[in-house]
Amino acid sequence: QVQFVESGGGLVQPGGSLRLSCAPSESISRFYVMGWYRQAPGKQRELVGIITSSGLINYSDSVKGRFSISTDNAKNQMYLQMNSLNPKDTAVYYCKYRSTYSAVEYWGQGTQVAVSS
């Protein structure tokens, strides 16, 4: 089955930026709902934002105006541009994919983002 791999995480200072990528192991449907989620230590996994193949994009209030989701359909990749990072953004970030025609969801393994001075 298809697998998704996140990359781009790391340690960054407050106010800095990171760009995460999410790539599938094989070709995927071009009709989809994809999203970024994050889980901080001791907390539940929460939605960061979603993007659909029809162009709908929504963000959680905590990242609105700072984070930006995009896709490169030619490369089957999804990105999360994170700006103005603060320590509260420290978490493992996961991507999720679901084809519009299926209820099956696929999760990546996660990439760690740490914001600290």
C-alpha atoms as a PDB file:
ATOM      1  CA  GLN A   1       0.000   0.000   0.000  1.00  0.00           C
ATOM      2  CA  VAL A   2       1.056   3.571  -0.527  1.00  0.00           C
ATOM      3  CA  GLN A   3       3.229   5.150   2.137  1.00  0.00           C
ATOM      4  CA  PHE A   4       3.826   8.804   2.872  1.00  0.00           C
ATOM      5  CA  VAL A   5       7.115  10.243   4.053  1.00  0.00           C
ATOM      6  CA  GLU A   6       7.521  13.613   5.699  1.00  0.00           C
ATOM      7  CA  SER A   7      10.799  15.508   5.636  1.00  0.00           C
ATOM      8  CA  GLY A   8      12.163  18.927   6.456  1.00  0.00           C
ATOM      9  CA  GLY A   9      11.824  18.955  10.205  1.00  0.00           C
ATOM     10  CA  GLY A  10      14.541  20.107  12.554  1.00  0.00           C
ATOM     11  CA  LEU A  11      15.576  22.578  15.209  1.00  0.00           C
ATOM     12  CA  VAL A  12      14.897  26.244  14.566  1.00  0.00           C
ATOM     13  CA  GLN A  13      15.074  29.398  16.649  1.00  0.00           C
ATOM     14  CA  PRO A  14      11.935  31.348  17.536  1.00  0.00           C
ATOM     15  CA  GLY A  15      10.921  33.541  14.639  1.00  0.00           C
ATOM     16  CA  GLY A  16      12.511  31.198  12.144  1.00  0.00           C
ATOM     17  CA  SER A  17      11.046  29.228   9.271  1.00  0.00           C
ATOM     18  CA  LEU A  18      10.898  25.635   8.087  1.00  0.00           C
ATOM     19  CA  ARG A  19       9.390  23.933   5.083  1.00  0.00           C
ATOM     20  CA  LEU A  20       8.041  20.432   5.459  1.00  0.00           C
ATOM     21  CA  SER A  21       7.401  18.068   2.589  1.00  0.00           C
ATOM     22  CA  CYS A  22       5.159  15.044   2.296  1.00  0.00           C
ATOM     23  CA  ALA A  23       5.778  12.597  -0.521  1.00  0.00           C
ATOM     24  CA  PRO A  24       3.991   9.351  -1.432  1.00  0.00           C
ATOM     25  CA  SER A  25       5.830   6.163  -2.288  1.00  0.00           C
ATOM     26  CA  GLU A  26       3.763   5.708  -5.436  1.00  0.00           C
ATOM     27  CA  SER A  27       1.343   7.533  -7.651  1.00  0.00           C
ATOM     28  CA  ILE A  28      -1.830   8.691  -5.937  1.00  0.00           C
ATOM     29  CA  SER A  29      -5.261   9.810  -7.000  1.00  0.00           C
ATOM     30  CA  ARG A  30      -5.439  13.408  -8.137  1.00  0.00           C
ATOM     31  CA  PHE A  31      -8.724  13.733  -6.250  1.00  0.00           C
ATOM     32  CA  TYR A  32      -7.859  13.948  -2.602  1.00  0.00           C
ATOM     33  CA  VAL A  33      -8.026  15.552   0.798  1.00  0.00           C
ATOM     34  CA  MET A  34      -4.623  16.003   2.399  1.00  0.00           C
ATOM     35  CA  GLY A  35      -3.709  17.538   5.669  1.00  0.00           C
ATOM     36  CA  TRP A  36      -0.988  18.381   8.114  1.00  0.00           C
ATOM     37  CA  TYR A  37      -1.377  17.459  11.766  1.00  0.00           C
ATOM     38  CA  ARG A  38       0.893  17.812  14.748  1.00  0.00           C
ATOM     39  CA  GLN A  39       1.290  16.250  18.142  1.00  0.00           C
ATOM     40  CA  ALA A  40       3.145  17.950  20.938  1.00  0.00           C
ATOM     41  CA  PRO A  41       4.496  15.943  23.883  1.00  0.00           C
ATOM     42  CA  GLY A  42       1.697  14.975  26.220  1.00  0.00           C
ATOM     43  CA  LYS A  43      -0.997  16.366  23.953  1.00  0.00           C
ATOM     44  CA  GLN A  44      -3.443  14.985  21.454  1.00  0.00           C
ATOM     45  CA  ARG A  45      -2.788  15.155  17.752  1.00  0.00           C
ATOM     46  CA  GLU A  46      -4.321  18.293  16.295  1.00  0.00           C
ATOM     47  CA  LEU A  47      -5.119  19.566  12.850  1.00  0.00           C
ATOM     48  CA  VAL A  48      -2.796  22.176  11.379  1.00  0.00           C
ATOM     49  CA  GLY A  49      -4.499  22.568   8.021  1.00  0.00           C
ATOM     50  CA  ILE A  50      -6.006  20.766   5.078  1.00  0.00           C
ATOM     51  CA  ILE A  51      -5.934  21.114   1.328  1.00  0.00           C
ATOM     52  CA  THR A  52      -8.176  19.459  -1.240  1.00  0.00           C
ATOM     53  CA  SER A  53      -7.624  18.750  -4.898  1.00  0.00           C
ATOM     54  CA  SER A  54     -10.381  21.258  -5.669  1.00  0.00           C
ATOM     55  CA  GLY A  55      -8.317  24.018  -4.088  1.00  0.00           C
ATOM     56  CA  LEU A  56      -9.956  24.370  -0.691  1.00  0.00           C
ATOM     57  CA  ILE A  57      -7.476  25.244   2.053  1.00  0.00           C
ATOM     58  CA  ASN A  58      -8.229  25.688   5.750  1.00  0.00           C
ATOM     59  CA  TYR A  59      -5.964  26.343   8.709  1.00  0.00           C
ATOM     60  CA  SER A  60      -6.341  26.076  12.420  1.00  0.00           C
ATOM     61  CA  ASP A  61      -6.532  29.402  14.196  1.00  0.00           C
ATOM     62  CA  SER A  62      -3.210  28.760  15.919  1.00  0.00           C
ATOM     63  CA  VAL A  63      -1.267  28.797  12.628  1.00  0.00           C
ATOM     64  CA  LYS A  64      -3.393  31.027  10.431  1.00  0.00           C
ATOM     65  CA  GLY A  65      -1.301  33.779   8.876  1.00  0.00           C
ATOM     66  CA  ARG A  66       1.978  32.021   9.675  1.00  0.00           C
ATOM     67  CA  PHE A  67       1.724  28.640   7.955  1.00  0.00           C
ATOM     68  CA  SER A  68       0.937  27.899   4.334  1.00  0.00           C
ATOM     69  CA  ILE A  69      -0.026  24.600   2.692  1.00  0.00           C
ATOM     70  CA  SER A  70       0.591  23.897  -0.955  1.00  0.00           C
ATOM     71  CA  THR A  71       0.851  20.972  -3.331  1.00  0.00           C
ATOM     72  CA  ASP A  72       2.829  20.140  -6.421  1.00  0.00           C
ATOM     73  CA  ASN A  73       0.554  17.790  -8.297  1.00  0.00           C
ATOM     74  CA  ALA A  74       3.234  16.993 -10.854  1.00  0.00           C
ATOM     75  CA  LYS A  75       5.413  15.659  -8.053  1.00  0.00           C
ATOM     76  CA  ASN A  76       2.521  14.346  -5.939  1.00  0.00           C
ATOM     77  CA  GLN A  77       3.935  16.289  -3.011  1.00  0.00           C
ATOM     78  CA  MET A  78       2.423  18.446  -0.307  1.00  0.00           C
ATOM     79  CA  TYR A  79       4.281  21.161   1.547  1.00  0.00           C
ATOM     80  CA  LEU A  80       3.903  23.084   4.775  1.00  0.00           C
ATOM     81  CA  GLN A  81       5.692  26.424   4.879  1.00  0.00           C
ATOM     82  CA  MET A  82       6.017  27.491   8.489  1.00  0.00           C
ATOM     83  CA  ASN A  83       7.018  31.064   9.317  1.00  0.00           C
ATOM     84  CA  SER A  84       7.293  33.010  12.555  1.00  0.00           C
ATOM     85  CA  LEU A  85       7.745  29.789  14.486  1.00  0.00           C
ATOM     86  CA  ASN A  86       7.448  29.860  18.253  1.00  0.00           C
ATOM     87  CA  PRO A  87       8.067  27.248  20.945  1.00  0.00           C
ATOM     88  CA  LYS A  88       4.369  26.306  20.970  1.00  0.00           C
ATOM     89  CA  ASP A  89       4.849  24.964  17.439  1.00  0.00           C
ATOM     90  CA  THR A  90       7.197  22.278  18.745  1.00  0.00           C
ATOM     91  CA  ALA A  91       5.676  18.927  17.829  1.00  0.00           C
ATOM     92  CA  VAL A  92       5.893  15.941  15.553  1.00  0.00           C
ATOM     93  CA  TYR A  93       4.244  16.905  12.293  1.00  0.00           C
ATOM     94  CA  TYR A  94       2.336  14.331  10.269  1.00  0.00           C
ATOM     95  CA  CYS A  95       0.773  14.372   6.849  1.00  0.00           C
ATOM     96  CA  LYS A  96      -2.434  12.553   6.046  1.00  0.00           C
ATOM     97  CA  TYR A  97      -3.911  11.575   2.720  1.00  0.00           C
ATOM     98  CA  ARG A  98      -7.314  10.337   1.708  1.00  0.00           C
ATOM     99  CA  SER A  99      -8.551   9.817  -1.800  1.00  0.00           C
ATOM    100  CA  THR A 100     -11.878  11.504  -2.486  1.00  0.00           C
ATOM    101  CA  TYR A 101     -13.211   8.084  -3.520  1.00  0.00           C
ATOM    102  CA  SER A 102     -12.149   6.180  -0.440  1.00  0.00           C
ATOM    103  CA  ALA A 103     -12.550   6.293   3.329  1.00  0.00           C
ATOM    104  CA  VAL A 104      -9.056   4.882   3.833  1.00  0.00           C
ATOM    105  CA  GLU A 105      -6.631   7.332   5.388  1.00  0.00           C
ATOM    106  CA  TYR A 106      -2.874   7.155   5.098  1.00  0.00           C
ATOM    107  CA  TRP A 107      -0.521   8.736   7.608  1.00  0.00           C
ATOM    108  CA  GLY A 108       3.144   9.514   7.325  1.00  0.00           C
ATOM    109  CA  GLN A 109       5.596   8.543  10.052  1.00  0.00           C
ATOM    110  CA  GLY A 110       6.054  12.116  11.196  1.00  0.00           C
ATOM    111  CA  THR A 111       8.887  14.617  11.294  1.00  0.00           C
ATOM    112  CA  GLN A 112      10.049  16.403  14.433  1.00  0.00           C
ATOM    113  CA  VAL A 113       9.970  20.181  14.611  1.00  0.00           C
ATOM    114  CA  ALA A 114      11.593  21.834  17.610  1.00  0.00           C
ATOM    115  CA  VAL A 115      11.508  25.576  18.168  1.00  0.00           C
ATOM    116  CA  SER A 116      13.966  26.706  20.784  1.00  0.00           C
ATOM    117  CA  SER A 117      16.641  29.283  21.416  1.00  0.00           C
END
